[in-house]
Amino acid sequence: MKFIISGKNLDVTEGLKTAIQDKLGKLERYFTPETEVHVTLSVEKERQKIEVTIPVKGNIIRSEQVSSDMYVSIDLVEEVIERQLRKYKTKIVNKQQGAGNFQKTFMEDDFMEEEDVNIIRTKRFGIKPMYPEDACVQMELLGHNFFVFRNAETDEVNVVYKRKGNTYGLIEPEF
């Protein structure tokens, strides 16, 4: 695996690089040697955050972990990614998505699937055209964390969502 390590508001020391390569290097058994692992470390006040993104054909494996100690965050992110890989392995095999980035032994191993995705409710509702700002107001009125709407400007289905720091995000389709 090829590690691409960067830091925001933080100098990435050799100790941090070594810890990342040692801990995330355990994931090497799942991926081919040419797989890139993008790691971004950042510090905000007491929050030590690590973001790991592993692009694989057709998918992105990603985790973001925050703690008061960067080494703890590194441990947490490795556990989450390994759990994601084990959980979604059968779905990757069934759809043959991105199998090229994974080691053959990982794809052939039989892991117990921890949890199946289980959709227990389907909700239908009318989508009326509105502007993203109006969708944010509607989301707040409903007390939800996200809101699906038809964008009055583009006539496409969009999603607004709450972000940290009392801000909002907008998801638009890309064609």
C-alpha atoms as a PDB file:
ATOM      1  CA  MET A   1       0.000   0.000   0.000  1.00  0.00           C
ATOM      2  CA  LYS A   2       1.129   3.513  -0.748  1.00  0.00           C
ATOM      3  CA  PHE A   3       0.576   6.012   2.054  1.00  0.00           C
ATOM      4  CA  ILE A   4      -0.089   9.665   1.219  1.00  0.00           C
ATOM      5  CA  ILE A   5       0.054  11.468   4.570  1.00  0.00           C
ATOM      6  CA  SER A   6      -0.692  15.167   5.055  1.00  0.00           C
ATOM      7  CA  GLY A   7      -1.382  17.446   8.001  1.00  0.00           C
ATOM      8  CA  LYS A   8      -3.635  20.447   8.630  1.00  0.00           C
ATOM      9  CA  ASN A   9      -2.550  22.757  11.474  1.00  0.00           C
ATOM     10  CA  LEU A  10      -0.024  20.060  12.348  1.00  0.00           C
ATOM     11  CA  ASP A  11       3.505  19.017  11.408  1.00  0.00           C
ATOM     12  CA  VAL A  12       3.473  15.315  10.589  1.00  0.00           C
ATOM     13  CA  THR A  13       6.406  13.903  12.562  1.00  0.00           C
ATOM     14  CA  GLU A  14       8.295  10.736  11.761  1.00  0.00           C
ATOM     15  CA  GLY A  15       6.715   9.183  14.860  1.00  0.00           C
ATOM     16  CA  LEU A  16       3.216   9.839  13.525  1.00  0.00           C
ATOM     17  CA  LYS A  17       4.163   8.547  10.065  1.00  0.00           C
ATOM     18  CA  THR A  18       5.588   5.381  11.599  1.00  0.00           C
ATOM     19  CA  ALA A  19       2.508   4.869  13.795  1.00  0.00           C
ATOM     20  CA  ILE A  20       0.201   5.305  10.786  1.00  0.00           C
ATOM     21  CA  GLN A  21       2.216   2.943   8.596  1.00  0.00           C
ATOM     22  CA  ASP A  22       2.435   0.341  11.382  1.00  0.00           C
ATOM     23  CA  LYS A  23      -1.243   0.479  12.336  1.00  0.00           C
ATOM     24  CA  LEU A  24      -2.787   0.894   8.874  1.00  0.00           C
ATOM     25  CA  GLY A  25      -0.140  -1.435   7.459  1.00  0.00           C
ATOM     26  CA  LYS A  26      -2.137  -4.254   9.088  1.00  0.00           C
ATOM     27  CA  LEU A  27      -4.735  -3.620   6.362  1.00  0.00           C
ATOM     28  CA  GLU A  28      -2.124  -4.571   3.761  1.00  0.00           C
ATOM     29  CA  ARG A  29      -3.407  -8.143   3.771  1.00  0.00           C
ATOM     30  CA  TYR A  30      -6.668  -6.880   2.228  1.00  0.00           C
ATOM     31  CA  PHE A  31      -5.294  -4.694  -0.573  1.00  0.00           C
ATOM     32  CA  THR A  32      -2.929  -4.968  -3.498  1.00  0.00           C
ATOM     33  CA  PRO A  33       0.478  -3.232  -3.132  1.00  0.00           C
ATOM     34  CA  GLU A  34      -0.444  -0.381  -5.521  1.00  0.00           C
ATOM     35  CA  THR A  35      -3.521   0.679  -3.491  1.00  0.00           C
ATOM     36  CA  GLU A  36      -3.240   4.278  -2.267  1.00  0.00           C
ATOM     37  CA  VAL A  37      -4.204   5.227   1.289  1.00  0.00           C
ATOM     38  CA  HIS A  38      -4.851   8.951   1.781  1.00  0.00           C
ATOM     39  CA  VAL A  39      -4.366  10.040   5.395  1.00  0.00           C
ATOM     40  CA  THR A  40      -5.052  13.566   6.660  1.00  0.00           C
ATOM     41  CA  LEU A  41      -4.232  14.530  10.237  1.00  0.00           C
ATOM     42  CA  SER A  42      -5.600  17.720  11.796  1.00  0.00           C
ATOM     43  CA  VAL A  43      -5.767  19.439  15.158  1.00  0.00           C
ATOM     44  CA  GLU A  44      -8.490  21.805  16.367  1.00  0.00           C
ATOM     45  CA  LYS A  45      -8.149  22.842  20.007  1.00  0.00           C
ATOM     46  CA  GLU A  46      -8.270  19.548  21.971  1.00  0.00           C
ATOM     47  CA  ARG A  47      -9.509  17.491  19.002  1.00  0.00           C
ATOM     48  CA  GLN A  48      -6.978  15.222  17.278  1.00  0.00           C
ATOM     49  CA  LYS A  49      -8.575  14.062  14.014  1.00  0.00           C
ATOM     50  CA  ILE A  50      -7.512  11.516  11.409  1.00  0.00           C
ATOM     51  CA  GLU A  51      -9.270  10.996   8.080  1.00  0.00           C
ATOM     52  CA  VAL A  52      -8.421   7.929   6.005  1.00  0.00           C
ATOM     53  CA  THR A  53      -9.681   7.477   2.448  1.00  0.00           C
ATOM     54  CA  ILE A  54      -8.940   4.417   0.335  1.00  0.00           C
ATOM     55  CA  PRO A  55     -10.248   4.742  -3.218  1.00  0.00           C
ATOM     56  CA  VAL A  56     -11.018   1.373  -4.750  1.00  0.00           C
ATOM     57  CA  LYS A  57     -12.605   0.737  -8.118  1.00  0.00           C
ATOM     58  CA  GLY A  58     -16.225   1.894  -7.890  1.00  0.00           C
ATOM     59  CA  ASN A  59     -16.145   2.626  -4.139  1.00  0.00           C
ATOM     60  CA  ILE A  60     -14.442   4.657  -1.450  1.00  0.00           C
ATOM     61  CA  ILE A  61     -13.549   3.185   1.909  1.00  0.00           C
ATOM     62  CA  ARG A  62     -13.400   6.028   4.403  1.00  0.00           C
ATOM     63  CA  SER A  63     -13.254   6.676   8.113  1.00  0.00           C
ATOM     64  CA  GLU A  64     -12.799   9.753  10.244  1.00  0.00           C
ATOM     65  CA  GLN A  65     -12.006   9.511  13.939  1.00  0.00           C
ATOM     66  CA  VAL A  66     -11.514  12.164  16.622  1.00  0.00           C
ATOM     67  CA  SER A  67     -10.082  11.861  20.125  1.00  0.00           C
ATOM     68  CA  SER A  68      -7.896  13.843  22.502  1.00  0.00           C
ATOM     69  CA  ASP A  69      -4.808  11.846  21.432  1.00  0.00           C
ATOM     70  CA  MET A  70      -3.714  11.340  17.800  1.00  0.00           C
ATOM     71  CA  TYR A  71      -2.397   7.829  18.484  1.00  0.00           C
ATOM     72  CA  VAL A  72      -5.794   6.811  19.896  1.00  0.00           C
ATOM     73  CA  SER A  73      -7.451   8.261  16.775  1.00  0.00           C
ATOM     74  CA  ILE A  74      -5.105   6.190  14.594  1.00  0.00           C
ATOM     75  CA  ASP A  75      -6.061   3.010  16.494  1.00  0.00           C
ATOM     76  CA  LEU A  76      -9.775   3.796  16.179  1.00  0.00           C
ATOM     77  CA  VAL A  77      -9.639   4.497  12.454  1.00  0.00           C
ATOM     78  CA  GLU A  78      -7.873   1.193  11.736  1.00  0.00           C
ATOM     79  CA  GLU A  79     -10.520  -0.764  13.662  1.00  0.00           C
ATOM     80  CA  VAL A  80     -13.386   0.964  11.824  1.00  0.00           C
ATOM     81  CA  ILE A  81     -11.896   0.359   8.366  1.00  0.00           C
ATOM     82  CA  GLU A  82     -11.218  -3.298   9.124  1.00  0.00           C
ATOM     83  CA  ARG A  83     -14.803  -3.711  10.359  1.00  0.00           C
ATOM     84  CA  GLN A  84     -16.115  -2.017   7.190  1.00  0.00           C
ATOM     85  CA  LEU A  85     -14.066  -4.331   4.987  1.00  0.00           C
ATOM     86  CA  ARG A  86     -15.291  -7.470   6.731  1.00  0.00           C
ATOM     87  CA  LYS A  87     -18.888  -6.264   6.740  1.00  0.00           C
ATOM     88  CA  TYR A  88     -19.060  -5.336   3.076  1.00  0.00           C
ATOM     89  CA  LYS A  89     -16.791  -8.020   1.638  1.00  0.00           C
ATOM     90  CA  THR A  90     -19.638 -10.243   0.454  1.00  0.00           C
ATOM     91  CA  LYS A  91     -21.342  -7.281  -1.205  1.00  0.00           C
ATOM     92  CA  ILE A  92     -18.095  -6.425  -3.001  1.00  0.00           C
ATOM     93  CA  VAL A  93     -17.734 -10.040  -4.163  1.00  0.00           C
ATOM     94  CA  ASN A  94     -21.376 -10.324  -5.247  1.00  0.00           C
ATOM     95  CA  LYS A  95     -21.287  -7.142  -7.304  1.00  0.00           C
ATOM     96  CA  GLN A  96     -17.664  -7.598  -8.376  1.00  0.00           C
ATOM     97  CA  GLN A  97     -17.083  -3.966  -7.480  1.00  0.00           C
ATOM     98  CA  GLY A  98     -13.500  -3.043  -6.976  1.00  0.00           C
ATOM     99  CA  ALA A  99     -12.274  -6.597  -6.563  1.00  0.00           C
ATOM    100  CA  GLY A 100      -9.139  -5.546  -8.467  1.00  0.00           C
ATOM    101  CA  ASN A 101      -7.810  -3.528  -5.500  1.00  0.00           C
ATOM    102  CA  PHE A 102      -8.243  -6.353  -2.998  1.00  0.00           C
ATOM    103  CA  GLN A 103      -5.932  -9.274  -2.284  1.00  0.00           C
ATOM    104  CA  LYS A 104      -7.186 -12.549  -3.724  1.00  0.00           C
ATOM    105  CA  THR A 105      -6.969 -14.254  -0.315  1.00  0.00           C
ATOM    106  CA  PHE A 106      -9.205 -11.587   1.250  1.00  0.00           C
ATOM    107  CA  MET A 107     -11.818 -12.039  -1.461  1.00  0.00           C
ATOM    108  CA  GLU A 108     -11.781 -15.837  -1.031  1.00  0.00           C
ATOM    109  CA  ASP A 109     -11.841 -15.880   2.800  1.00  0.00           C
ATOM    110  CA  ASP A 110     -15.154 -16.581   4.445  1.00  0.00           C
ATOM    111  CA  PHE A 111     -15.883 -14.035   7.150  1.00  0.00           C
ATOM    112  CA  MET A 112     -18.995 -14.128   9.221  1.00  0.00           C
ATOM    113  CA  GLU A 113     -21.039 -11.164   8.160  1.00  0.00           C
ATOM    114  CA  GLU A 114     -21.451  -9.011  11.256  1.00  0.00           C
ATOM    115  CA  GLU A 115     -24.583  -7.186  10.223  1.00  0.00           C
ATOM    116  CA  ASP A 116     -26.791  -7.261   7.173  1.00  0.00           C
ATOM    117  CA  VAL A 117     -28.206  -4.012   5.917  1.00  0.00           C
ATOM    118  CA  ASN A 118     -31.844  -4.305   6.895  1.00  0.00           C
ATOM    119  CA  ILE A 119     -34.273  -1.715   5.527  1.00  0.00           C
ATOM    120  CA  ILE A 120     -37.286  -1.841   7.817  1.00  0.00           C
ATOM    121  CA  ARG A 121     -39.265   1.122   6.581  1.00  0.00           C
ATOM    122  CA  THR A 122     -39.981   2.831   3.275  1.00  0.00           C
ATOM    123  CA  LYS A 123     -41.258   6.366   3.281  1.00  0.00           C
ATOM    124  CA  ARG A 124     -42.917   8.094   0.327  1.00  0.00           C
ATOM    125  CA  PHE A 125     -43.553  11.797   0.071  1.00  0.00           C
ATOM    126  CA  GLY A 126     -44.171  14.458  -2.526  1.00  0.00           C
ATOM    127  CA  ILE A 127     -41.164  16.515  -3.505  1.00  0.00           C
ATOM    128  CA  LYS A 128     -41.937  20.106  -4.347  1.00  0.00           C
ATOM    129  CA  PRO A 129     -39.430  22.493  -5.919  1.00  0.00           C
ATOM    130  CA  MET A 130     -37.691  24.821  -3.441  1.00  0.00           C
ATOM    131  CA  TYR A 131     -34.400  26.636  -2.998  1.00  0.00           C
ATOM    132  CA  PRO A 132     -31.658  25.072  -0.823  1.00  0.00           C
ATOM    133  CA  GLU A 133     -32.037  27.798   1.823  1.00  0.00           C
ATOM    134  CA  ASP A 134     -35.775  27.078   2.077  1.00  0.00           C
ATOM    135  CA  ALA A 135     -35.002  23.349   2.379  1.00  0.00           C
ATOM    136  CA  CYS A 136     -32.696  24.128   5.346  1.00  0.00           C
ATOM    137  CA  VAL A 137     -35.496  26.059   7.046  1.00  0.00           C
ATOM    138  CA  GLN A 138     -37.930  23.190   6.421  1.00  0.00           C
ATOM    139  CA  MET A 139     -35.398  20.682   7.813  1.00  0.00           C
ATOM    140  CA  GLU A 140     -35.046  22.773  10.976  1.00  0.00           C
ATOM    141  CA  LEU A 141     -38.815  23.025  11.354  1.00  0.00           C
ATOM    142  CA  LEU A 142     -39.100  19.240  11.128  1.00  0.00           C
ATOM    143  CA  GLY A 143     -36.198  18.692  13.533  1.00  0.00           C
ATOM    144  CA  HIS A 144     -34.358  16.411  11.087  1.00  0.00           C
ATOM    145  CA  ASN A 145     -30.644  16.128  10.261  1.00  0.00           C
ATOM    146  CA  PHE A 146     -31.238  16.042   6.497  1.00  0.00           C
ATOM    147  CA  PHE A 147     -33.949  16.966   4.007  1.00  0.00           C
ATOM    148  CA  VAL A 148     -34.583  15.705   0.453  1.00  0.00           C
ATOM    149  CA  PHE A 149     -36.047  18.221  -2.013  1.00  0.00           C
ATOM    150  CA  ARG A 150     -36.233  19.160  -5.696  1.00  0.00           C
ATOM    151  CA  ASN A 151     -33.974  22.139  -6.367  1.00  0.00           C
ATOM    152  CA  ALA A 152     -36.006  24.973  -7.930  1.00  0.00           C
ATOM    153  CA  GLU A 153     -32.906  26.235  -9.780  1.00  0.00           C
ATOM    154  CA  THR A 154     -31.734  22.938 -11.334  1.00  0.00           C
ATOM    155  CA  ASP A 155     -34.902  20.783 -11.135  1.00  0.00           C
ATOM    156  CA  GLU A 156     -32.776  17.938  -9.706  1.00  0.00           C
ATOM    157  CA  VAL A 157     -33.250  16.029  -6.462  1.00  0.00           C
ATOM    158  CA  ASN A 158     -30.849  17.374  -3.803  1.00  0.00           C
ATOM    159  CA  VAL A 159     -30.232  16.785  -0.098  1.00  0.00           C
ATOM    160  CA  VAL A 160     -29.366  19.374   2.540  1.00  0.00           C
ATOM    161  CA  TYR A 161     -27.860  18.201   5.826  1.00  0.00           C
ATOM    162  CA  LYS A 162     -26.636  19.576   9.134  1.00  0.00           C
ATOM    163  CA  ARG A 163     -22.899  19.852   9.685  1.00  0.00           C
ATOM    164  CA  LYS A 164     -20.859  20.570  12.782  1.00  0.00           C
ATOM    165  CA  GLY A 165     -20.628  24.188  13.856  1.00  0.00           C
ATOM    166  CA  ASN A 166     -24.258  25.009  12.985  1.00  0.00           C
ATOM    167  CA  THR A 167     -23.575  24.917   9.228  1.00  0.00           C
ATOM    168  CA  TYR A 168     -25.270  23.071   6.369  1.00  0.00           C
ATOM    169  CA  GLY A 169     -24.201  20.919   3.442  1.00  0.00           C
ATOM    170  CA  LEU A 170     -25.814  20.415   0.037  1.00  0.00           C
ATOM    171  CA  ILE A 171     -25.590  17.167  -1.954  1.00  0.00           C
ATOM    172  CA  GLU A 172     -26.171  17.463  -5.678  1.00  0.00           C
ATOM    173  CA  PRO A 173     -26.108  14.691  -8.281  1.00  0.00           C
ATOM    174  CA  GLU A 174     -23.192  14.537 -10.694  1.00  0.00           C
ATOM    175  CA  PHE A 175     -23.737  13.237 -14.200  1.00  0.00           C
END
